[in-house]
């Protein structure tokens, strides 16, 4: 992965916020991080292009204009596509407010979006330790924590959902998860899913969007990919066999699917 403008900034304390690291990142090569957790808060802001995210067992994508806030202790990892992407990262200490091992996905139309836009613009200057910009960034990070603390994982301050289901899905989403999990990585279409739930396809699709804020098709693909990722990462099975076991007609269709969802080809999950 090619990274530019990345370095440790000077710690700055403002309104109980201590900025520890700031990264303004440009990546132009496929890669991934190991799954990890840490004791501080982390804010990821998408600037251009999708970045793949593994958020405590659930895959997602950080899109341009979207943001992801990770509380201390949240297990996560990132995958980077071969195309050029840009994002900003803030790692900081803040009062816990009893929020441990949580995440908030915030979409581009959220009330906080202008705040994230400013933080993304400030990142290069904060990275260099500019005092005025760093003080402003610390104040904005404090406002973000105050706004989202206590929400259900979707940061719905203005009524808009985030880019993925809430961290604690309701019974309806749990029923969908059960059907998809039982498929063992095989594709489950809307008709098949609706039959399993004894509901109409239209009802299933509309209710899922109402409860989660994202299209059902995207979620089906992400759950399928999560199963595939486990096989790629934690097994020695040949990629061709994994493709066959998860219902793909050939290795080419499998590779296209993995790259479309994660941004990197299957072989990237077996590096290192």
Protein backbone atom coordinates (compact mmCIF):
# COMPACT_ATOMS: atom_id res chain seq x y z
CA UNK A 1 0.00 0.00 0.00
CA UNK A 2 1.33 3.42 -0.94
CA UNK A 3 0.78 5.98 1.80
CA UNK A 4 1.71 9.63 1.76
CA UNK A 5 1.39 12.44 4.31
CA UNK A 6 1.27 10.05 7.25
CA UNK A 7 3.06 10.69 10.50
CA UNK A 8 2.60 11.08 14.25
CA UNK A 9 1.29 14.48 15.24
CA UNK A 10 1.98 16.23 18.51
CA UNK A 11 -0.55 15.37 21.19
CA UNK A 12 -2.97 18.26 21.65
CA UNK A 13 -5.52 18.57 24.44
CA UNK A 14 -8.64 20.67 23.92
CA UNK A 15 -11.92 20.29 25.84
CA UNK A 16 -10.93 16.84 27.20
CA UNK A 17 -9.87 15.68 23.71
CA UNK A 18 -6.28 14.53 23.22
CA UNK A 19 -5.35 14.09 19.55
CA UNK A 20 -2.81 11.27 19.36
CA UNK A 21 -2.40 10.53 15.65
CA UNK A 22 -3.57 12.16 12.45
CA UNK A 23 -3.22 10.51 9.06
CA UNK A 24 -4.05 12.03 5.70
CA UNK A 25 -3.74 8.97 3.50
CA UNK A 26 -3.50 8.36 -0.23
CA UNK A 27 -3.38 4.68 -1.17
CA UNK A 28 -2.84 3.38 -4.69
CA UNK A 29 -2.07 -0.29 -4.10
CA UNK A 30 -4.11 -3.22 -2.82
CA UNK A 31 -3.50 -4.23 0.77
CA UNK A 32 -5.07 -4.87 4.13
CA UNK A 33 -4.41 -4.46 7.84
CA UNK A 34 -4.60 -7.17 10.45
CA UNK A 35 -7.63 -7.19 12.73
CA UNK A 36 -6.83 -5.15 15.82
CA UNK A 37 -8.22 -3.03 18.62
CA UNK A 38 -6.80 -0.21 20.72
CA UNK A 39 -7.52 1.89 23.79
CA UNK A 40 -8.36 5.15 22.04
CA UNK A 41 -11.10 6.47 19.76
CA UNK A 42 -10.68 6.38 15.98
CA UNK A 43 -12.49 8.41 13.33
CA UNK A 44 -12.24 7.45 9.64
CA UNK A 45 -13.46 9.95 7.02
CA UNK A 46 -13.82 8.87 3.39
CA UNK A 47 -12.56 11.46 0.90
CA UNK A 48 -12.53 9.57 -2.42
CA UNK A 49 -13.03 5.96 -3.38
CA UNK A 50 -14.25 3.06 -1.21
CA UNK A 51 -12.15 1.56 1.58
CA UNK A 52 -13.15 -1.88 2.79
CA UNK A 53 -13.85 -2.19 6.52
CA UNK A 54 -14.17 -5.23 8.74
CA UNK A 55 -16.11 -3.96 11.77
CA UNK A 56 -16.18 -6.56 14.56
CA UNK A 57 -17.42 -9.35 12.30
CA UNK A 58 -19.42 -7.35 9.77
CA UNK A 59 -17.94 -6.10 6.48
CA UNK A 60 -18.70 -2.66 5.11
CA UNK A 61 -17.31 0.06 2.87
CA UNK A 62 -16.21 3.56 3.81
CA UNK A 63 -17.41 5.71 0.92
CA UNK A 64 -16.60 9.27 -0.08
CA UNK A 65 -18.25 11.70 2.35
CA UNK A 66 -19.05 8.95 4.86
CA UNK A 67 -17.48 8.47 8.28
CA UNK A 68 -16.89 5.69 10.78
CA UNK A 69 -16.35 6.33 14.49
CA UNK A 70 -14.83 3.46 16.49
CA UNK A 71 -14.94 3.46 20.28
CA UNK A 72 -12.04 2.05 22.30
CA UNK A 73 -11.88 -1.74 22.19
CA UNK A 74 -13.67 -2.14 18.86
CA UNK A 75 -12.11 -4.91 16.75
CA UNK A 76 -11.60 -3.74 13.17
CA UNK A 77 -9.50 -4.02 10.02
CA UNK A 78 -9.23 -2.32 6.63
CA UNK A 79 -8.71 -3.43 3.03
CA UNK A 80 -7.49 -1.10 0.29
CA UNK A 81 -8.29 -1.42 -3.43
CA UNK A 82 -5.84 -1.23 -6.30
CA UNK A 83 -7.31 2.08 -7.43
CA UNK A 84 -6.38 5.37 -5.74
CA UNK A 85 -8.38 6.18 -2.61
CA UNK A 86 -8.05 8.95 -0.04
CA UNK A 87 -9.22 9.19 3.53
CA UNK A 88 -8.43 10.93 6.82
CA UNK A 89 -7.86 9.24 10.17
CA UNK A 90 -8.02 10.80 13.63
CA UNK A 91 -6.98 8.78 16.66
CA UNK A 92 -7.73 10.47 19.95
CA UNK A 93 -8.46 10.07 23.64
CA UNK A 94 -11.79 11.27 24.98
CA UNK A 95 -14.03 10.71 28.01
CA UNK A 96 -15.44 7.19 27.68
CA UNK A 97 -19.05 8.04 28.45
CA UNK A 98 -19.52 4.27 29.00
CA UNK A 99 -19.10 3.66 25.25
CA UNK A 100 -16.84 0.64 24.83
CA UNK A 101 -16.58 -1.68 21.82
CA UNK A 102 -19.08 0.28 19.71
CA UNK A 103 -19.11 1.80 16.26
CA UNK A 104 -21.13 4.45 14.46
CA UNK A 105 -21.48 4.50 10.64
CA UNK A 106 -22.50 7.96 9.43
CA UNK A 107 -23.60 8.61 5.85
CA UNK A 108 -22.99 11.59 3.59
CA UNK A 109 -26.38 13.18 4.29
CA UNK A 110 -26.05 13.24 8.06
CA UNK A 111 -26.21 16.39 10.15
CA UNK A 112 -22.57 15.87 11.10
CA UNK A 113 -21.36 15.66 7.48
CA UNK A 114 -20.13 19.31 7.36
CA UNK A 115 -18.08 18.63 10.51
CA UNK A 116 -16.40 15.64 8.89
CA UNK A 117 -15.72 17.67 5.75
CA UNK A 118 -13.91 20.31 7.82
CA UNK A 119 -11.96 17.65 9.73
CA UNK A 120 -10.84 16.08 6.45
CA UNK A 121 -9.64 19.48 5.20
CA UNK A 122 -7.82 20.18 8.48
CA UNK A 123 -6.04 16.81 8.58
CA UNK A 124 -2.89 17.80 6.60
CA UNK A 125 -2.33 20.88 8.76
CA UNK A 126 -3.05 18.99 11.99
CA UNK A 127 -0.67 16.29 10.77
CA UNK A 128 2.05 19.00 10.68
CA UNK A 129 1.15 20.23 14.17
CA UNK A 130 -0.39 23.59 13.19
CA UNK A 131 -1.74 24.93 16.53
CA UNK A 132 -4.88 26.75 15.32
CA UNK A 133 -6.02 23.91 13.07
CA UNK A 134 -5.23 21.34 15.76
CA UNK A 135 -7.25 23.24 18.36
CA UNK A 136 -10.18 23.49 15.94
CA UNK A 137 -9.99 19.79 15.14
CA UNK A 138 -9.96 18.85 18.83
CA UNK A 139 -13.08 20.92 19.45
CA UNK A 140 -14.85 19.32 16.49
CA UNK A 141 -13.93 15.82 17.66
CA UNK A 142 -15.42 16.64 21.04
CA UNK A 143 -18.63 17.73 19.32
CA UNK A 144 -18.74 14.48 17.34
CA UNK A 145 -18.39 12.35 20.48
CA UNK A 146 -21.06 14.36 22.26
CA UNK A 147 -23.46 14.03 19.31
CA UNK A 148 -23.20 10.29 18.76
CA UNK A 149 -22.66 8.97 22.30
CA UNK A 150 -25.69 7.00 23.37
CA UNK A 151 -27.12 6.43 19.88
CA UNK A 152 -27.89 2.92 18.62
CA UNK A 153 -24.91 2.58 16.30
CA UNK A 154 -26.47 4.46 13.39
CA UNK A 155 -25.91 8.06 14.58
CA UNK A 156 -29.40 9.15 13.57
CA UNK A 157 -29.22 12.70 14.88
CA UNK A 158 -31.13 13.97 11.82
CA UNK A 159 -33.21 10.85 11.19
CA UNK A 160 -30.93 9.36 8.53
CA UNK A 161 -29.41 5.96 9.06
CA UNK A 162 -25.77 5.11 8.62
CA UNK A 163 -24.26 2.98 5.87
CA UNK A 164 -24.85 -0.36 7.54
CA UNK A 165 -27.22 -1.91 10.10
CA UNK A 166 -27.07 -0.86 13.71
CA UNK A 167 -24.51 -2.56 15.92
CA UNK A 168 -27.36 -4.38 17.68
CA UNK A 169 -29.86 -5.41 14.95
CA UNK A 170 -33.50 -6.01 15.74
CA UNK A 171 -35.37 -9.34 15.49
CA UNK A 172 -36.23 -8.86 11.81
CA UNK A 173 -32.59 -8.37 10.76
CA UNK A 174 -31.57 -11.26 13.01
CA UNK A 175 -34.02 -13.52 11.13
CA UNK A 176 -32.44 -12.45 7.86
CA UNK A 177 -28.98 -13.12 9.30
CA UNK A 178 -30.05 -16.63 10.29
CA UNK A 179 -31.18 -17.45 6.74
CA UNK A 180 -28.05 -15.99 5.15
CA UNK A 181 -25.74 -17.72 7.63
CA UNK A 182 -27.38 -21.08 6.97
CA UNK A 183 -26.57 -20.68 3.27
CA UNK A 184 -22.86 -21.12 3.98
CA UNK A 185 -21.68 -18.45 1.57
CA UNK A 186 -24.10 -19.40 -1.20
CA UNK A 187 -26.05 -16.53 -2.77
CA UNK A 188 -29.56 -16.09 -1.40
CA UNK A 189 -31.86 -14.09 -3.66
CA UNK A 190 -34.77 -11.94 -2.52
CA UNK A 191 -37.40 -14.52 -3.53
CA UNK A 192 -35.67 -17.31 -1.61
CA UNK A 193 -35.16 -15.10 1.42
CA UNK A 194 -38.79 -13.97 1.42
CA UNK A 195 -39.98 -17.59 1.18
CA UNK A 196 -37.83 -18.55 4.16
CA UNK A 197 -39.31 -15.68 6.18
CA UNK A 198 -42.86 -16.38 4.95
CA UNK A 199 -43.17 -12.77 3.79
CA UNK A 200 -43.54 -11.04 0.45
CA UNK A 201 -40.35 -9.93 -1.36
CA UNK A 202 -41.50 -6.32 -1.38
CA UNK A 203 -42.17 -6.33 2.36
CA UNK A 204 -38.77 -7.85 3.14
CA UNK A 205 -36.89 -5.39 0.94
CA UNK A 206 -38.74 -2.29 2.14
CA UNK A 207 -38.66 -3.19 5.83
CA UNK A 208 -34.95 -3.97 5.71
CA UNK A 209 -34.20 -0.56 4.20
CA UNK A 210 -36.41 1.15 6.79
CA UNK A 211 -34.64 -0.57 9.69
CA UNK A 212 -31.05 -0.34 8.43
CA UNK A 213 -30.85 2.48 5.90
CA UNK A 214 -29.19 0.36 3.19
CA UNK A 215 -30.34 -1.82 0.27
CA UNK A 216 -30.95 -5.48 1.06
CA UNK A 217 -28.91 -6.64 -1.96
CA UNK A 218 -25.80 -4.89 -0.60
CA UNK A 219 -26.27 -6.52 2.78
CA UNK A 220 -26.71 -9.98 1.24
CA UNK A 221 -23.45 -9.48 -0.63
CA UNK A 222 -21.65 -8.28 2.50
CA UNK A 223 -22.78 -11.25 4.60
CA UNK A 224 -21.77 -13.61 1.81
CA UNK A 225 -18.39 -11.91 1.58
CA UNK A 226 -17.88 -12.16 5.37
CA UNK A 227 -18.20 -15.94 5.09
CA UNK A 228 -15.84 -16.03 2.11
CA UNK A 229 -13.31 -13.82 3.89
CA UNK A 230 -13.14 -16.25 6.81
CA UNK A 231 -12.35 -19.10 4.43
CA UNK A 232 -9.72 -17.06 2.62
CA UNK A 233 -8.11 -15.83 5.83
CA UNK A 234 -8.40 -18.78 8.20
CA UNK A 235 -8.28 -21.86 5.98
CA UNK A 236 -5.78 -23.44 3.63
CA UNK A 237 -8.44 -24.36 1.07
CA UNK A 238 -7.49 -23.51 -2.53
CA UNK A 239 -9.24 -20.38 -3.80
CA UNK A 240 -10.79 -22.39 -6.62
CA UNK A 241 -12.36 -24.78 -4.10
CA UNK A 242 -13.69 -21.90 -1.98
CA UNK A 243 -15.31 -20.46 -5.11
CA UNK A 244 -16.97 -23.80 -5.82
CA UNK A 245 -18.17 -24.28 -2.23
CA UNK A 246 -19.78 -20.85 -2.14
CA UNK A 247 -21.74 -21.35 -5.34
CA UNK A 248 -19.75 -19.48 -7.98
CA UNK A 249 -19.70 -20.95 -11.49
CA UNK A 250 -15.96 -20.36 -11.88
CA UNK A 251 -12.93 -18.68 -10.33
CA UNK A 252 -13.40 -15.59 -12.49
CA UNK A 253 -16.90 -14.86 -11.20
CA UNK A 254 -15.64 -15.45 -7.66
CA UNK A 255 -12.74 -13.05 -8.11
CA UNK A 256 -14.99 -10.35 -9.59
CA UNK A 257 -17.35 -10.64 -6.62
CA UNK A 258 -14.60 -10.44 -3.99
CA UNK A 259 -12.98 -7.45 -5.67
CA UNK A 260 -16.31 -5.65 -6.12
CA UNK A 261 -17.23 -6.00 -2.45
CA UNK A 262 -13.83 -5.61 -0.79
CA UNK A 263 -11.84 -3.63 -3.35
CA UNK A 264 -9.05 -6.23 -3.50
CA UNK A 265 -8.67 -9.62 -5.24
CA UNK A 266 -8.95 -12.91 -3.28
CA UNK A 267 -5.19 -13.41 -3.20
CA UNK A 268 -4.81 -10.22 -1.09
CA UNK A 269 -6.37 -12.00 1.87
CA UNK A 270 -3.59 -14.57 1.86
CA UNK A 271 -0.62 -12.24 1.93
CA UNK A 272 1.66 -12.15 4.90
